[in-house]
Amino acid sequence: CLRPLQQRTFLTSGRRRRRRLVGILMPPPRAGSGEKTTLTTSTTTTTSRKRRRRRKEEESEINDRQKWRSLEAGKDDLSLDRTLPTGQSFRWQKVRDDDDEGTWEKCRYATYVGVIGRRVVKIRERVDEDAAVEEEEKNRGNIGPKKSTIEFRILNEEADDETSAENATKDMRAYFNLDDPIPLKDLFEQFSKADPRRFGALRKYVRGARTLRQPPAECLISFVCSSNNNIARIKKMVESLCEKYGEELVCNASSDYDGATDDEKEESEDNKKIYYAFPTVEQLAAKCDEQTLRDLGFGYRAKFIPAIAKELVKRGGESYLLKLRDAPHTEEEKDRAISELTSLPGVGPKVAGCAALFSLDKKSVVPVDTHVWQLAREHFDPNGELASMETPASSSKASTKKGTKAEEEEEEE
């Protein structure tokens, strides 16, 4: 009589074994006794719920691993906080990561959302203790001995479907200049040896800061908006330009939520988030006009953007700028690129230098504004040789082409 009971309890374990034993030995409730529960049925229901919950967790974990892709970059290669909000690009917004709780200071990730081409990108970097990051990467084992702290996702599925995961990673690495033949760490070592008193002392504060490689037309027009401006206002102008003339990029709310269930995805169909691609030069040339931009708060810059777009279309559009990028990396080609850009309406040497450095692979360009000039005189001009030269603030050749004095005064008011 006991052998079947022993076999059944042997095949189960822990609490389930004890509950099974009690359920078998407990006599059935008497008819009419009013007892409503049966332990065996309750145990089976609880077990089924746990199995379903565990299965959902496993599916969510697999789905999360598939969406997040490693950028294969460590802390010495790239720092998001020292690269994205520093005035190179104006399309990135810092957000709280879904895996973070509590205050900003306690966040494990530095997370940003932005638009690159037609992709809406969410990118994050582990910013907590290095030991924890290295231990996690060792457990995940995703790129061998090199510790990756940065990963990204594409939030608009349509754009992501058009390109394979390999191409998306390749394009992201190109945007962040991660395939440069000289590693950033080696450059910083060279700079520290050449200037130990200044750069050597500051090196730890700029670890992972690097230049971007943006789409040329977007970069150029964004820096036209930057003349005599601050970053917050520049970002507002750029977003206004994108919303007015750019292509809509639709993201479901669930695409920005890790581990969303099918029911949650269905509920979010009516709660879609809209981003905008930067308009092409053809779109700006055909639709953009000065008065509309003035109404949007562009000030005297409003007359330059339509004129630049129309002139670029005459010269071949984006492909014209890409030819400047693909030219040989020589001083002659660098000077030619600057000359070509400054021949556009509203583009002075400083704006041209920013566009050349941040989008055209002209990595020896140093854009000079009044702040850079002051630093150069203070730290690198012990004999006062620069004092006799014209400062960028007073030289029309070294500054961005501006509006008339009346237009500038009107904007200040």
Protein backbone atom coordinates (compact mmCIF):
# COMPACT_ATOMS: atom_id res chain seq x y z
CA CYS A 1 0.00 0.00 0.00
CA LEU A 2 2.85 2.40 0.77
CA ARG A 3 4.95 1.67 -2.36
CA PRO A 4 2.87 3.89 -4.77
CA LEU A 5 2.92 6.65 -2.17
CA GLN A 6 6.73 6.38 -1.79
CA GLN A 7 7.22 6.51 -5.55
CA ARG A 8 5.07 9.63 -5.95
CA THR A 9 6.77 11.52 -3.13
CA PHE A 10 10.22 10.52 -4.42
CA LEU A 11 9.55 12.08 -7.84
CA THR A 12 8.81 15.48 -6.35
CA SER A 13 10.97 17.74 -4.20
CA GLY A 14 10.86 20.34 -1.42
CA ARG A 15 7.59 21.98 -0.60
CA ARG A 16 5.81 20.27 -3.50
CA ARG A 17 6.75 16.86 -2.05
CA ARG A 18 5.34 17.72 1.37
CA ARG A 19 2.16 19.17 -0.10
CA ARG A 20 1.66 16.12 -2.31
CA LEU A 21 2.08 13.84 0.70
CA VAL A 22 -0.43 15.81 2.78
CA GLY A 23 -2.87 15.92 -0.12
CA ILE A 24 -2.81 12.16 -0.58
CA LEU A 25 -3.13 11.27 3.08
CA MET A 26 -5.79 13.91 3.85
CA PRO A 27 -9.27 12.38 3.75
CA PRO A 28 -11.75 13.98 1.37
CA PRO A 29 -14.15 16.50 2.95
CA ARG A 30 -17.45 15.20 4.17
CA ALA A 31 -20.48 16.01 2.06
CA GLY A 32 -22.25 19.13 3.29
CA SER A 33 -19.38 20.12 5.56
CA GLY A 34 -18.98 23.44 3.75
CA GLU A 35 -15.24 22.98 3.15
CA LYS A 36 -14.32 24.87 -0.04
CA THR A 37 -10.60 24.18 -0.60
CA THR A 38 -8.69 21.15 -1.75
CA LEU A 39 -4.93 21.41 -1.20
CA THR A 40 -4.04 19.35 -4.27
CA THR A 41 -6.03 21.62 -6.61
CA SER A 42 -4.63 24.77 -5.00
CA THR A 43 -1.07 23.47 -5.33
CA THR A 44 -1.57 22.59 -9.00
CA THR A 45 -2.97 26.06 -9.77
CA THR A 46 -0.09 27.81 -7.98
CA THR A 47 2.45 25.68 -9.81
CA SER A 48 0.88 26.48 -13.18
CA ARG A 49 1.00 30.19 -12.45
CA LYS A 50 4.67 29.98 -11.48
CA ARG A 51 5.46 28.12 -14.67
CA ARG A 52 3.68 30.72 -16.81
CA ARG A 53 5.42 33.56 -14.99
CA ARG A 54 8.80 31.87 -15.35
CA ARG A 55 8.17 31.29 -19.05
CA LYS A 56 7.28 34.97 -19.57
CA GLU A 57 10.43 36.03 -17.73
CA GLU A 58 12.55 33.76 -19.90
CA GLU A 59 10.90 35.06 -23.10
CA SER A 60 11.40 38.64 -21.92
CA GLU A 61 15.08 37.98 -21.19
CA ILE A 62 15.61 36.44 -24.64
CA ASN A 63 13.74 39.32 -26.30
CA ASP A 64 15.85 41.85 -24.37
CA ARG A 65 19.12 40.19 -25.43
CA GLN A 66 17.98 40.25 -29.05
CA LYS A 67 17.12 43.98 -29.04
CA TRP A 68 20.16 45.33 -27.21
CA ARG A 69 23.31 45.12 -29.33
CA SER A 70 26.81 45.65 -28.14
CA LEU A 71 28.71 48.55 -29.66
CA GLU A 72 31.91 46.70 -28.78
CA ALA A 73 33.39 49.72 -27.08
CA GLY A 74 34.85 50.10 -23.61
CA LYS A 75 35.27 53.09 -21.30
CA ASP A 76 38.54 54.12 -22.94
CA ASP A 77 36.88 54.07 -26.38
CA LEU A 78 33.76 56.13 -25.74
CA SER A 79 31.97 58.01 -22.97
CA LEU A 80 28.40 59.00 -23.83
CA ASP A 81 28.25 61.72 -21.17
CA ARG A 82 31.46 63.30 -22.50
CA THR A 83 30.50 63.04 -26.17
CA LEU A 84 26.77 63.45 -26.86
CA PRO A 85 25.78 66.56 -24.82
CA THR A 86 28.94 68.56 -25.50
CA GLY A 87 27.80 70.62 -28.50
CA GLN A 88 28.77 68.38 -31.43
CA SER A 89 25.29 67.07 -32.16
CA PHE A 90 21.99 68.58 -31.03
CA ARG A 91 19.65 65.61 -31.48
CA TRP A 92 20.31 63.59 -28.30
CA GLN A 93 18.18 63.64 -25.18
CA LYS A 94 19.25 62.06 -21.90
CA VAL A 95 16.55 59.78 -20.45
CA ARG A 96 16.12 57.46 -17.51
CA ASP A 97 16.77 53.82 -18.39
CA ASP A 98 14.02 51.25 -17.80
CA ASP A 99 16.40 49.21 -15.63
CA ASP A 100 17.17 52.15 -13.33
CA GLU A 101 15.29 53.17 -10.21
CA GLY A 102 15.72 55.97 -7.71
CA THR A 103 17.57 59.24 -8.25
CA TRP A 104 19.73 60.15 -11.22
CA GLU A 105 22.83 59.85 -9.06
CA LYS A 106 22.06 56.18 -8.37
CA CYS A 107 21.42 55.23 -12.00
CA ARG A 108 23.50 52.37 -13.37
CA TYR A 109 23.23 53.64 -16.94
CA ALA A 110 23.79 56.86 -18.85
CA THR A 111 21.03 56.54 -21.45
CA TYR A 112 20.29 58.72 -24.47
CA VAL A 113 17.69 58.70 -27.24
CA GLY A 114 18.41 60.35 -30.58
CA VAL A 115 17.97 60.12 -34.33
CA ILE A 116 20.69 59.03 -36.75
CA GLY A 117 19.50 59.17 -40.35
CA ARG A 118 16.14 57.36 -40.29
CA ARG A 119 16.89 55.32 -37.18
CA VAL A 120 15.60 56.25 -33.75
CA VAL A 121 18.34 55.01 -31.45
CA LYS A 122 18.42 54.35 -27.74
CA ILE A 123 21.96 53.94 -26.45
CA ARG A 124 23.20 53.34 -22.92
CA GLU A 125 26.47 53.00 -21.04
CA ARG A 126 27.18 51.38 -17.70
CA VAL A 127 28.40 54.14 -15.41
CA ASP A 128 28.50 52.36 -12.05
CA GLU A 129 31.62 50.75 -10.55
CA ASP A 130 34.13 49.36 -13.03
CA ALA A 131 34.41 46.10 -11.11
CA ALA A 132 30.68 45.45 -11.43
CA VAL A 133 30.77 46.21 -15.15
CA GLU A 134 33.73 43.91 -15.75
CA GLU A 135 32.15 41.11 -13.73
CA GLU A 136 28.90 41.38 -15.69
CA GLU A 137 30.72 41.42 -19.02
CA LYS A 138 32.78 38.42 -17.94
CA ASN A 139 29.59 36.52 -17.14
CA ARG A 140 27.94 37.52 -20.41
CA GLY A 141 31.10 36.85 -22.39
CA ASN A 142 29.85 38.82 -25.38
CA ILE A 143 33.12 40.17 -26.82
CA GLY A 144 35.93 38.26 -25.16
CA PRO A 145 38.58 40.05 -23.11
CA LYS A 146 37.56 43.54 -24.22
CA LYS A 147 35.00 44.93 -21.79
CA SER A 148 32.01 46.45 -23.57
CA THR A 149 30.05 48.96 -21.52
CA ILE A 150 27.88 50.41 -24.30
CA GLU A 151 24.89 48.90 -26.10
CA PHE A 152 22.11 50.25 -28.29
CA ARG A 153 18.64 49.50 -29.66
CA ILE A 154 16.70 50.67 -32.71
CA LEU A 155 13.30 51.89 -31.53
CA ASN A 156 11.47 52.27 -34.83
CA GLU A 157 11.00 48.74 -36.12
CA GLU A 158 10.37 49.70 -39.76
CA ALA A 159 13.79 51.29 -40.12
CA ASP A 160 15.35 48.37 -38.26
CA ASP A 161 13.71 45.81 -40.57
CA GLU A 162 15.31 47.36 -43.63
CA THR A 163 18.82 46.78 -42.41
CA SER A 164 20.47 43.78 -40.83
CA ALA A 165 21.81 43.90 -37.31
CA GLU A 166 25.35 43.85 -38.66
CA ASN A 167 24.77 46.95 -40.79
CA ALA A 168 23.14 48.78 -37.88
CA THR A 169 26.16 48.08 -35.69
CA LYS A 170 28.51 49.10 -38.50
CA ASP A 171 26.69 52.41 -39.01
CA MET A 172 26.65 53.11 -35.27
CA ARG A 173 30.38 52.49 -34.97
CA ALA A 174 30.97 54.81 -37.94
CA TYR A 175 28.86 57.55 -36.32
CA PHE A 176 31.00 57.38 -33.19
CA ASN A 177 34.29 57.10 -35.13
CA LEU A 178 35.05 53.81 -33.38
CA ASP A 179 36.84 52.29 -36.36
CA ASP A 180 39.54 54.94 -36.41
CA PRO A 181 42.94 53.26 -37.01
CA ILE A 182 44.47 54.95 -33.95
CA PRO A 183 42.68 54.02 -30.68
CA LEU A 184 41.58 56.94 -28.54
CA LYS A 185 43.58 55.61 -25.59
CA ASP A 186 46.80 55.76 -27.64
CA LEU A 187 46.04 59.32 -28.72
CA PHE A 188 45.47 60.38 -25.13
CA GLU A 189 48.81 58.86 -24.16
CA GLN A 190 50.52 60.84 -26.92
CA PHE A 191 48.78 64.05 -25.84
CA SER A 192 49.72 63.45 -22.19
CA LYS A 193 53.40 62.99 -23.06
CA ALA A 194 53.40 66.10 -25.25
CA ASP A 195 51.62 68.24 -22.65
CA PRO A 196 51.93 66.56 -19.22
CA ARG A 197 51.20 69.71 -17.20
CA ARG A 198 47.85 70.44 -18.82
CA PHE A 199 46.44 67.50 -20.78
CA GLY A 200 48.14 64.97 -18.53
CA ALA A 201 46.39 66.49 -15.52
CA LEU A 202 43.01 66.70 -17.31
CA ARG A 203 43.11 63.31 -19.00
CA LYS A 204 40.99 61.46 -16.45
CA TYR A 205 38.23 64.06 -16.81
CA VAL A 206 37.92 63.60 -20.58
CA ARG A 207 38.27 59.83 -20.74
CA GLY A 208 36.24 58.49 -23.66
CA ALA A 209 35.45 61.94 -25.15
CA ARG A 210 35.63 61.71 -28.93
CA THR A 211 34.50 63.48 -32.10
CA LEU A 212 31.43 62.27 -33.99
CA ARG A 213 31.02 61.51 -37.69
CA GLN A 214 27.60 62.96 -38.47
CA PRO A 215 25.62 63.23 -41.73
CA PRO A 216 27.24 66.26 -43.43
CA ALA A 217 24.16 68.32 -44.36
CA GLU A 218 22.62 67.91 -40.91
CA CYS A 219 25.88 68.87 -39.23
CA LEU A 220 26.43 71.92 -41.44
CA ILE A 221 22.93 73.36 -41.04
CA SER A 222 22.89 72.63 -37.30
CA PHE A 223 26.04 74.71 -36.84
CA VAL A 224 24.57 77.55 -38.87
CA CYS A 225 21.89 77.57 -36.15
CA SER A 226 24.64 77.62 -33.51
CA SER A 227 26.05 81.05 -34.33
CA ASN A 228 25.82 83.37 -31.31
CA ASN A 229 23.62 80.85 -29.57
CA ASN A 230 23.46 78.43 -26.63
CA ILE A 231 23.03 74.65 -26.76
CA ALA A 232 19.47 74.60 -25.40
CA ARG A 233 18.26 77.07 -28.02
CA ILE A 234 20.17 75.35 -30.81
CA LYS A 235 18.51 72.03 -29.92
CA LYS A 236 15.10 73.71 -29.99
CA MET A 237 15.80 75.19 -33.43
CA VAL A 238 17.03 71.89 -34.85
CA GLU A 239 14.02 69.99 -33.51
CA SER A 240 11.66 72.65 -34.90
CA LEU A 241 13.30 72.29 -38.30
CA CYS A 242 12.92 68.51 -38.18
CA GLU A 243 9.29 68.63 -37.05
CA LYS A 244 8.38 71.13 -39.75
CA TYR A 245 10.12 69.55 -42.75
CA GLY A 246 11.48 66.13 -41.74
CA GLU A 247 10.04 62.65 -42.18
CA GLU A 248 8.00 61.16 -39.34
CA LEU A 249 9.60 58.19 -37.56
CA VAL A 250 6.97 56.27 -35.57
CA CYS A 251 7.87 54.27 -32.47
CA ASN A 252 5.38 52.20 -30.51
CA ALA A 253 5.44 52.93 -26.79
CA SER A 254 6.24 49.24 -26.18
CA SER A 255 9.36 49.43 -28.35
CA ASP A 256 10.84 51.73 -25.71
CA TYR A 257 9.99 49.31 -22.90
CA ASP A 258 12.07 46.26 -22.15
CA GLY A 259 10.11 43.03 -21.86
CA ALA A 260 6.73 44.32 -23.01
CA THR A 261 4.09 41.60 -23.30
CA ASP A 262 1.91 41.06 -26.35
CA ASP A 263 -1.09 42.55 -24.51
CA GLU A 264 0.90 45.65 -23.60
CA LYS A 265 2.04 46.05 -27.21
CA GLU A 266 -1.57 45.88 -28.41
CA GLU A 267 -2.65 48.45 -25.81
CA SER A 268 0.14 50.81 -26.93
CA GLU A 269 -0.93 50.93 -30.59
CA ASP A 270 -2.82 54.16 -29.90
CA ASN A 271 0.07 55.55 -27.84
CA LYS A 272 2.77 55.92 -30.48
CA LYS A 273 5.72 58.26 -30.08
CA ILE A 274 6.78 60.36 -33.05
CA TYR A 275 10.35 61.36 -33.83
CA TYR A 276 11.55 63.16 -36.95
CA ALA A 277 14.43 62.62 -39.34
CA PHE A 278 16.54 65.62 -40.25
CA PRO A 279 15.16 66.99 -43.55
CA THR A 280 17.19 66.41 -46.70
CA VAL A 281 18.61 69.38 -48.59
CA GLU A 282 16.06 68.65 -51.33
CA GLN A 283 13.19 68.88 -48.83
CA LEU A 284 14.53 72.15 -47.42
CA ALA A 285 15.15 73.63 -50.86
CA ALA A 286 11.59 72.83 -51.97
CA LYS A 287 9.61 73.72 -48.83
CA CYS A 288 11.67 75.86 -46.47
CA ASP A 289 11.22 79.65 -46.49
CA GLU A 290 12.67 82.49 -44.45
CA GLN A 291 9.43 83.79 -42.94
CA THR A 292 8.42 80.38 -41.57
CA LEU A 293 11.80 79.99 -39.90
CA ARG A 294 11.57 83.48 -38.43
CA ASP A 295 8.18 82.55 -36.98
CA LEU A 296 9.87 79.49 -35.43
CA GLY A 297 12.44 81.70 -33.72
CA PHE A 298 15.48 81.34 -35.98
CA GLY A 299 16.13 85.06 -36.11
CA TYR A 300 18.60 86.32 -38.73
CA ARG A 301 19.70 82.70 -39.42
CA ALA A 302 16.34 82.11 -41.14
CA LYS A 303 17.56 83.62 -44.42
CA PHE A 304 20.67 81.44 -44.58
CA ILE A 305 19.13 77.95 -44.30
CA PRO A 306 16.90 78.04 -47.43
CA ALA A 307 19.75 79.66 -49.36
CA ILE A 308 22.23 76.98 -48.26
CA ALA A 309 19.81 74.19 -49.18
CA LYS A 310 19.19 75.59 -52.67
CA GLU A 311 22.90 76.10 -53.31
CA LEU A 312 23.71 72.56 -52.13
CA VAL A 313 21.06 71.15 -54.49
CA LYS A 314 22.74 73.01 -57.36
CA ARG A 315 26.08 71.46 -56.40
CA GLY A 316 24.72 67.93 -56.12
CA GLY A 317 23.06 67.73 -52.71
CA GLU A 318 24.36 65.41 -50.01
CA SER A 319 26.57 63.58 -52.50
CA TYR A 320 28.51 66.82 -53.04
CA LEU A 321 29.35 66.93 -49.34
CA LEU A 322 30.18 63.22 -49.26
CA LYS A 323 32.73 63.79 -52.04
CA LEU A 324 34.44 66.31 -49.77
CA ARG A 325 34.46 63.65 -47.04
CA ASP A 326 35.89 60.95 -49.31
CA ALA A 327 38.71 63.13 -50.64
CA PRO A 328 42.29 62.19 -49.63
CA HIS A 329 43.29 63.17 -46.11
CA THR A 330 45.77 65.89 -47.03
CA GLU A 331 46.21 69.49 -45.95
CA GLU A 332 45.32 70.62 -49.46
CA GLU A 333 42.00 68.75 -49.40
CA LYS A 334 41.28 70.05 -45.91
CA ASP A 335 41.81 73.63 -47.07
CA ARG A 336 39.70 72.97 -50.17
CA ALA A 337 36.83 71.62 -48.04
CA ILE A 338 36.91 74.70 -45.81
CA SER A 339 36.98 76.94 -48.88
CA GLU A 340 34.02 75.12 -50.45
CA LEU A 341 31.96 75.37 -47.27
CA THR A 342 32.69 79.04 -46.66
CA SER A 343 31.45 79.84 -50.15
CA LEU A 344 27.94 78.85 -48.98
CA PRO A 345 25.58 81.59 -47.69
CA GLY A 346 25.98 82.27 -43.97
CA VAL A 347 28.92 79.90 -43.44
CA GLY A 348 32.07 81.36 -41.91
CA PRO A 349 35.32 79.55 -41.06
CA LYS A 350 34.18 78.55 -37.57
CA VAL A 351 30.98 76.85 -38.81
CA ALA A 352 32.91 75.36 -41.74
CA GLY A 353 35.53 74.04 -39.32
CA CYS A 354 32.90 72.37 -37.14
CA ALA A 355 31.23 70.74 -40.16
CA ALA A 356 34.61 69.60 -41.52
CA LEU A 357 35.70 68.12 -38.19
CA PHE A 358 32.40 66.55 -37.08
CA SER A 359 31.18 65.22 -40.45
CA LEU A 360 33.79 65.36 -43.22
CA ASP A 361 36.70 63.40 -41.66
CA LYS A 362 38.95 66.48 -41.60
CA LYS A 363 40.42 65.56 -38.22
CA SER A 364 43.24 68.11 -38.21
CA VAL A 365 40.78 71.02 -38.25
CA VAL A 366 40.54 73.06 -35.04
CA PRO A 367 37.42 75.28 -35.10
CA VAL A 368 38.32 78.56 -33.39
CA ASP A 369 35.81 80.70 -31.54
CA THR A 370 36.49 83.35 -28.93
CA HIS A 371 36.77 80.74 -26.13
CA VAL A 372 39.31 78.62 -28.00
CA TRP A 373 41.23 81.77 -28.85
CA GLN A 374 41.38 82.86 -25.22
CA LEU A 375 42.57 79.41 -24.09
CA ALA A 376 45.25 79.39 -26.78
CA ARG A 377 46.55 82.79 -25.68
CA GLU A 378 46.46 81.88 -21.99
CA HIS A 379 48.05 78.42 -22.15
CA PHE A 380 49.99 78.12 -25.41
CA ASP A 381 51.31 81.61 -26.12
CA PRO A 382 53.94 82.38 -23.46
CA ASN A 383 55.69 84.97 -25.63
CA GLY A 384 52.52 86.84 -26.58
CA GLU A 385 52.89 86.18 -30.30
CA LEU A 386 49.12 85.84 -30.77
CA ALA A 387 48.37 89.17 -29.13
CA SER A 388 49.15 91.09 -32.30
CA MET A 389 46.81 88.93 -34.36
CA GLU A 390 43.15 89.69 -34.96
CA THR A 391 40.87 87.87 -32.52
CA PRO A 392 38.02 85.71 -33.83
CA ALA A 393 35.46 87.95 -32.16
CA SER A 394 36.58 90.98 -34.17
CA SER A 395 37.47 89.24 -37.41
CA SER A 396 34.72 88.53 -39.93
CA LYS A 397 37.02 85.95 -41.49
CA ALA A 398 37.34 83.91 -38.30
CA SER A 399 33.76 84.12 -37.10
CA THR A 400 30.43 82.90 -38.34
CA LYS A 401 28.80 85.10 -40.93
CA LYS A 402 26.16 87.07 -39.07
CA GLY A 403 23.12 89.13 -39.85
CA THR A 404 23.09 92.88 -40.00
CA LYS A 405 23.59 94.85 -36.81
CA ALA A 406 19.91 95.77 -36.79
CA GLU A 407 18.89 92.11 -37.07
CA GLU A 408 21.17 91.09 -34.21
CA GLU A 409 19.87 93.90 -31.99
CA GLU A 410 16.31 92.91 -32.82
CA GLU A 411 17.01 89.30 -31.84
CA GLU A 412 18.65 90.35 -28.56
CA GLU A 413 15.54 92.35 -27.68
